[in-house]
């Protein structure tokens, strides 16, 4: 069972790295196309708000 857990965690880490890479590419593309940081800042704010609210909900429940 322990080996399966290690493979599962490695898969989650790979997925997280791919998602981070995609977000970085998207923010870079937004900065280059608009020649500014407003859209990339707005795009970056969306995941931050989702993470903040999920932590807030866990804190209230816990």
PDB file of N, CA and C in Angstrom:
ATOM      1  N   UNK A   1       0.823  -1.199   0.000  1.00  0.00           N
ATOM      2  CA  UNK A   1       0.000   0.000   0.000  1.00  0.00           C
ATOM      3  C   UNK A   1       0.865   1.259   0.000  1.00  0.00           C
ATOM      4  N   UNK A   2       2.011   1.180   0.652  1.00  0.00           N
ATOM      5  CA  UNK A   2       2.866   2.352   0.734  1.00  0.00           C
ATOM      6  C   UNK A   2       3.404   2.758  -0.642  1.00  0.00           C
ATOM      7  N   UNK A   3       3.745   1.787  -1.477  1.00  0.00           N
ATOM      8  CA  UNK A   3       4.254   2.105  -2.808  1.00  0.00           C
ATOM      9  C   UNK A   3       3.196   2.825  -3.632  1.00  0.00           C
ATOM     10  N   UNK A   4       1.953   2.379  -3.528  1.00  0.00           N
ATOM     11  CA  UNK A   4       0.877   3.033  -4.271  1.00  0.00           C
ATOM     12  C   UNK A   4       0.708   4.469  -3.804  1.00  0.00           C
ATOM     13  N   UNK A   5       0.841   4.704  -2.516  1.00  0.00           N
ATOM     14  CA  UNK A   5       0.711   6.058  -1.983  1.00  0.00           C
ATOM     15  C   UNK A   5       1.797   6.965  -2.556  1.00  0.00           C
ATOM     16  N   UNK A   6       3.013   6.449  -2.661  1.00  0.00           N
ATOM     17  CA  UNK A   6       4.107   7.247  -3.204  1.00  0.00           C
ATOM     18  C   UNK A   6       3.850   7.595  -4.665  1.00  0.00           C
ATOM     19  N   UNK A   7       3.327   6.646  -5.425  1.00  0.00           N
ATOM     20  CA  UNK A   7       3.019   6.911  -6.833  1.00  0.00           C
ATOM     21  C   UNK A   7       1.894   7.933  -6.927  1.00  0.00           C
ATOM     22  N   UNK A   8       0.898   7.814  -6.067  1.00  0.00           N
ATOM     23  CA  UNK A   8      -0.218   8.759  -6.071  1.00  0.00           C
ATOM     24  C   UNK A   8       0.267  10.171  -5.758  1.00  0.00           C
ATOM     25  N   UNK A   9       1.142  10.309  -4.780  1.00  0.00           N
ATOM     26  CA  UNK A   9       1.669  11.629  -4.431  1.00  0.00           C
ATOM     27  C   UNK A   9       2.517  12.194  -5.559  1.00  0.00           C
ATOM     28  N   UNK A  10       3.301  11.350  -6.213  1.00  0.00           N
ATOM     29  CA  UNK A  10       4.114  11.823  -7.334  1.00  0.00           C
ATOM     30  C   UNK A  10       3.220  12.309  -8.467  1.00  0.00           C
ATOM     31  N   UNK A  11       2.109  11.636  -8.685  1.00  0.00           N
ATOM     32  CA  UNK A  11       1.173  12.067  -9.716  1.00  0.00           C
ATOM     33  C   UNK A  11       0.552  13.408  -9.395  1.00  0.00           C
ATOM     34  N   UNK A  12       0.234  13.621  -8.127  1.00  0.00           N
ATOM     35  CA  UNK A  12      -0.331  14.910  -7.715  1.00  0.00           C
ATOM     36  C   UNK A  12       0.692  16.032  -7.875  1.00  0.00           C
ATOM     37  N   UNK A  13       1.944  15.734  -7.560  1.00  0.00           N
ATOM     38  CA  UNK A  13       2.985  16.742  -7.702  1.00  0.00           C
ATOM     39  C   UNK A  13       3.217  17.085  -9.164  1.00  0.00           C
ATOM     40  N   UNK A  14       3.164  16.082 -10.032  1.00  0.00           N
ATOM     41  CA  UNK A  14       3.331  16.328 -11.459  1.00  0.00           C
ATOM     42  C   UNK A  14       2.183  17.175 -11.993  1.00  0.00           C
ATOM     43  N   UNK A  15       0.971  16.868 -11.569  1.00  0.00           N
ATOM     44  CA  UNK A  15      -0.188  17.654 -11.993  1.00  0.00           C
ATOM     45  C   UNK A  15      -0.073  19.095 -11.503  1.00  0.00           C
ATOM     46  N   UNK A  16       0.363  19.280 -10.272  1.00  0.00           N
ATOM     47  CA  UNK A  16       0.529  20.634  -9.730  1.00  0.00           C
ATOM     48  C   UNK A  16       1.593  21.401 -10.509  1.00  0.00           C
ATOM     49  N   UNK A  17       2.674  20.735 -10.882  1.00  0.00           N
ATOM     50  CA  UNK A  17       3.723  21.390 -11.665  1.00  0.00           C
ATOM     51  C   UNK A  17       3.209  21.777 -13.048  1.00  0.00           C
ATOM     52  N   UNK A  18       2.416  20.909 -13.660  1.00  0.00           N
ATOM     53  CA  UNK A  18       1.856  21.226 -14.978  1.00  0.00           C
ATOM     54  C   UNK A  18       0.872  22.396 -14.890  1.00  0.00           C
ATOM     55  N   UNK A  19       0.054  22.417 -13.850  1.00  0.00           N
ATOM     56  CA  UNK A  19      -0.903  23.512 -13.686  1.00  0.00           C
ATOM     57  C   UNK A  19      -0.176  24.836 -13.443  1.00  0.00           C
ATOM     58  N   UNK A  20       0.894  24.801 -12.654  1.00  0.00           N
ATOM     59  CA  UNK A  20       1.677  26.002 -12.394  1.00  0.00           C
ATOM     60  C   UNK A  20       2.344  26.500 -13.666  1.00  0.00           C
ATOM     61  N   UNK A  21       2.872  25.566 -14.447  1.00  0.00           N
ATOM     62  CA  UNK A  21       3.493  25.938 -15.717  1.00  0.00           C
ATOM     63  C   UNK A  21       2.500  26.557 -16.678  1.00  0.00           C
ATOM     64  N   UNK A  22       1.292  26.002 -16.731  1.00  0.00           N
ATOM     65  CA  UNK A  22       0.263  26.565 -17.606  1.00  0.00           C
ATOM     66  C   UNK A  22      -0.128  27.964 -17.162  1.00  0.00           C
ATOM     67  N   UNK A  23      -0.279  28.166 -15.856  1.00  0.00           N
ATOM     68  CA  UNK A  23      -0.633  29.496 -15.353  1.00  0.00           C
ATOM     69  C   UNK A  23       0.481  30.492 -15.655  1.00  0.00           C
ATOM     70  N   UNK A  24       1.736  30.076 -15.502  1.00  0.00           N
ATOM     71  CA  UNK A  24       2.856  30.963 -15.818  1.00  0.00           C
ATOM     72  C   UNK A  24       2.852  31.328 -17.296  1.00  0.00           C
ATOM     73  N   UNK A  25       2.591  30.353 -18.159  1.00  0.00           N
ATOM     74  CA  UNK A  25       2.524  30.620 -19.597  1.00  0.00           C
ATOM     75  C   UNK A  25       1.388  31.600 -19.905  1.00  0.00           C
ATOM     76  N   UNK A  26       0.238  31.391 -19.276  1.00  0.00           N
ATOM     77  CA  UNK A  26      -0.916  32.254 -19.512  1.00  0.00           C
ATOM     78  C   UNK A  26      -0.640  33.690 -19.055  1.00  0.00           C
ATOM     79  N   UNK A  27      -0.024  33.842 -17.891  1.00  0.00           N
ATOM     80  CA  UNK A  27       0.295  35.179 -17.392  1.00  0.00           C
ATOM     81  C   UNK A  27       1.332  35.862 -18.277  1.00  0.00           C
ATOM     82  N   UNK A  28       2.327  35.099 -18.723  1.00  0.00           N
ATOM     83  CA  UNK A  28       3.340  35.653 -19.613  1.00  0.00           C
ATOM     84  C   UNK A  28       2.715  36.104 -20.927  1.00  0.00           C
ATOM     85  N   UNK A  29       1.825  35.290 -21.467  1.00  0.00           N
ATOM     86  CA  UNK A  29       1.144  35.630 -22.719  1.00  0.00           C
ATOM     87  C   UNK A  29       0.308  36.900 -22.548  1.00  0.00           C
ATOM     88  N   UNK A  30      -0.386  37.012 -21.417  1.00  0.00           N
ATOM     89  CA  UNK A  30      -1.202  38.198 -21.158  1.00  0.00           C
ATOM     90  C   UNK A  30      -0.332  39.449 -21.055  1.00  0.00           C
ATOM     91  N   UNK A  31       0.833  39.327 -20.406  1.00  0.00           N
ATOM     92  CA  UNK A  31       1.715  40.484 -20.275  1.00  0.00           C
ATOM     93  C   UNK A  31       2.288  40.904 -21.621  1.00  0.00           C
ATOM     94  N   UNK A  32       2.665  39.938 -22.446  1.00  0.00           N
ATOM     95  CA  UNK A  32       3.250  40.277 -23.739  1.00  0.00           C
ATOM     96  C   UNK A  32       2.225  40.858 -24.702  1.00  0.00           C
ATOM     97  N   UNK A  33       1.019  40.309 -24.702  1.00  0.00           N
ATOM     98  CA  UNK A  33       0.016  40.782 -25.652  1.00  0.00           C
ATOM     99  C   UNK A  33      -0.566  42.137 -25.270  1.00  0.00           C
ATOM    100  N   UNK A  34      -0.692  42.400 -23.980  1.00  0.00           N
ATOM    101  CA  UNK A  34      -1.278  43.675 -23.555  1.00  0.00           C
ATOM    102  C   UNK A  34      -0.223  44.714 -23.197  1.00  0.00           C
ATOM    103  N   UNK A  35       1.040  44.298 -23.136  1.00  0.00           N
ATOM    104  CA  UNK A  35       2.155  45.168 -22.756  1.00  0.00           C
ATOM    105  C   UNK A  35       1.922  45.822 -21.399  1.00  0.00           C
ATOM    106  N   UNK A  36       1.370  45.059 -20.499  1.00  0.00           N
ATOM    107  CA  UNK A  36       1.117  45.550 -19.153  1.00  0.00           C
ATOM    108  C   UNK A  36       0.914  44.389 -18.204  1.00  0.00           C
ATOM    109  N   UNK A  37       0.647  44.712 -16.961  1.00  0.00           N
ATOM    110  CA  UNK A  37       0.474  43.664 -15.967  1.00  0.00           C
ATOM    111  C   UNK A  37      -0.923  43.626 -15.361  1.00  0.00           C
ATOM    112  N   UNK A  38      -1.845  44.448 -15.839  1.00  0.00           N
ATOM    113  CA  UNK A  38      -3.183  44.480 -15.260  1.00  0.00           C
ATOM    114  C   UNK A  38      -3.911  43.155 -15.462  1.00  0.00           C
ATOM    115  N   UNK A  39      -3.937  42.640 -16.694  1.00  0.00           N
ATOM    116  CA  UNK A  39      -4.643  41.386 -16.946  1.00  0.00           C
ATOM    117  C   UNK A  39      -3.955  40.213 -16.260  1.00  0.00           C
ATOM    118  N   UNK A  40      -2.627  40.192 -16.261  1.00  0.00           N
ATOM    119  CA  UNK A  40      -1.947  39.089 -15.585  1.00  0.00           C
ATOM    120  C   UNK A  40      -2.189  39.157 -14.079  1.00  0.00           C
ATOM    121  N   UNK A  41      -2.264  40.349 -13.529  1.00  0.00           N
ATOM    122  CA  UNK A  41      -2.588  40.489 -12.110  1.00  0.00           C
ATOM    123  C   UNK A  41      -3.993  40.020 -11.798  1.00  0.00           C
ATOM    124  N   UNK A  42      -4.936  40.344 -12.683  1.00  0.00           N
ATOM    125  CA  UNK A  42      -6.321  39.900 -12.480  1.00  0.00           C
ATOM    126  C   UNK A  42      -6.431  38.384 -12.599  1.00  0.00           C
ATOM    127  N   UNK A  43      -5.718  37.805 -13.569  1.00  0.00           N
ATOM    128  CA  UNK A  43      -5.735  36.347 -13.725  1.00  0.00           C
ATOM    129  C   UNK A  43      -5.095  35.680 -12.514  1.00  0.00           C
ATOM    130  N   UNK A  44      -4.034  36.276 -11.986  1.00  0.00           N
ATOM    131  CA  UNK A  44      -3.351  35.717 -10.821  1.00  0.00           C
ATOM    132  C   UNK A  44      -4.224  35.812  -9.572  1.00  0.00           C
ATOM    133  N   UNK A  45      -5.079  36.807  -9.507  1.00  0.00           N
ATOM    134  CA  UNK A  45      -5.930  37.010  -8.338  1.00  0.00           C
ATOM    135  C   UNK A  45      -6.988  35.915  -8.193  1.00  0.00           C
ATOM    136  N   UNK A  46      -7.477  35.379  -9.301  1.00  0.00           N
ATOM    137  CA  UNK A  46      -8.553  34.377  -9.256  1.00  0.00           C
ATOM    138  C   UNK A  46      -8.140  33.128  -8.467  1.00  0.00           C
ATOM    139  N   UNK A  47      -7.001  32.470  -8.784  1.00  0.00           N
ATOM    140  CA  UNK A  47      -6.625  31.303  -7.970  1.00  0.00           C
ATOM    141  C   UNK A  47      -6.309  31.662  -6.518  1.00  0.00           C
ATOM    142  N   UNK A  48      -5.735  32.856  -6.307  1.00  0.00           N
ATOM    143  CA  UNK A  48      -5.439  33.266  -4.932  1.00  0.00           C
ATOM    144  C   UNK A  48      -6.708  33.391  -4.100  1.00  0.00           C
ATOM    145  N   UNK A  49      -7.748  33.955  -4.675  1.00  0.00           N
ATOM    146  CA  UNK A  49      -9.022  34.093  -3.961  1.00  0.00           C
ATOM    147  C   UNK A  49      -9.614  32.719  -3.667  1.00  0.00           C
ATOM    148  N   UNK A  50      -9.541  31.807  -4.636  1.00  0.00           N
ATOM    149  CA  UNK A  50     -10.063  30.453  -4.416  1.00  0.00           C
ATOM    150  C   UNK A  50      -9.305  29.751  -3.294  1.00  0.00           C
ATOM    151  N   UNK A  51      -7.987  29.887  -3.273  1.00  0.00           N
ATOM    152  CA  UNK A  51      -7.179  29.269  -2.214  1.00  0.00           C
ATOM    153  C   UNK A  51      -7.503  29.904  -0.864  1.00  0.00           C
ATOM    154  N   UNK A  52      -7.613  31.226  -0.821  1.00  0.00           N
ATOM    155  CA  UNK A  52      -7.921  31.911   0.433  1.00  0.00           C
ATOM    156  C   UNK A  52      -9.256  31.451   1.002  1.00  0.00           C
ATOM    157  N   UNK A  53     -10.295  31.397   0.160  1.00  0.00           N
ATOM    158  CA  UNK A  53     -11.605  31.001   0.660  1.00  0.00           C
ATOM    159  C   UNK A  53     -11.646  29.535   1.073  1.00  0.00           C
ATOM    160  N   UNK A  54     -10.899  28.674   0.384  1.00  0.00           N
ATOM    161  CA  UNK A  54     -10.874  27.273   0.808  1.00  0.00           C
ATOM    162  C   UNK A  54     -10.188  27.140   2.167  1.00  0.00           C
ATOM    163  N   UNK A  55      -9.098  27.897   2.391  1.00  0.00           N
ATOM    164  CA  UNK A  55      -8.461  27.888   3.709  1.00  0.00           C
ATOM    165  C   UNK A  55      -9.391  28.470   4.769  1.00  0.00           C
ATOM    166  N   UNK A  56     -10.108  29.518   4.432  1.00  0.00           N
ATOM    167  CA  UNK A  56     -11.033  30.126   5.388  1.00  0.00           C
ATOM    168  C   UNK A  56     -12.141  29.153   5.767  1.00  0.00           C
ATOM    169  N   UNK A  57     -12.680  28.430   4.789  1.00  0.00           N
ATOM    170  CA  UNK A  57     -13.724  27.447   5.086  1.00  0.00           C
ATOM    171  C   UNK A  57     -13.191  26.311   5.949  1.00  0.00           C
ATOM    172  N   UNK A  58     -11.973  25.860   5.670  1.00  0.00           N
ATOM    173  CA  UNK A  58     -11.385  24.799   6.491  1.00  0.00           C
ATOM    174  C   UNK A  58     -11.150  25.282   7.915  1.00  0.00           C
ATOM    175  N   UNK A  59     -10.749  26.529   8.082  1.00  0.00           N
ATOM    176  CA  UNK A  59     -10.507  27.071   9.412  1.00  0.00           C
ATOM    177  C   UNK A  59     -11.806  27.180  10.197  1.00  0.00           C
ATOM    178  N   UNK A  60     -12.880  27.607   9.559  1.00  0.00           N
ATOM    179  CA  UNK A  60     -14.169  27.757  10.233  1.00  0.00           C
ATOM    180  C   UNK A  60     -14.723  26.393  10.617  1.00  0.00           C
ATOM    181  N   UNK A  61     -14.579  25.402   9.742  1.00  0.00           N
ATOM    182  CA  UNK A  61     -15.104  24.064  10.021  1.00  0.00           C
ATOM    183  C   UNK A  61     -14.275  23.343  11.070  1.00  0.00           C
ATOM    184  N   UNK A  62     -12.973  23.594  11.081  1.00  0.00           N
ATOM    185  CA  UNK A  62     -12.056  22.797  11.864  1.00  0.00           C
ATOM    186  C   UNK A  62     -11.943  23.127  13.281  1.00  0.00           C
TER     187      UNK A  62
END
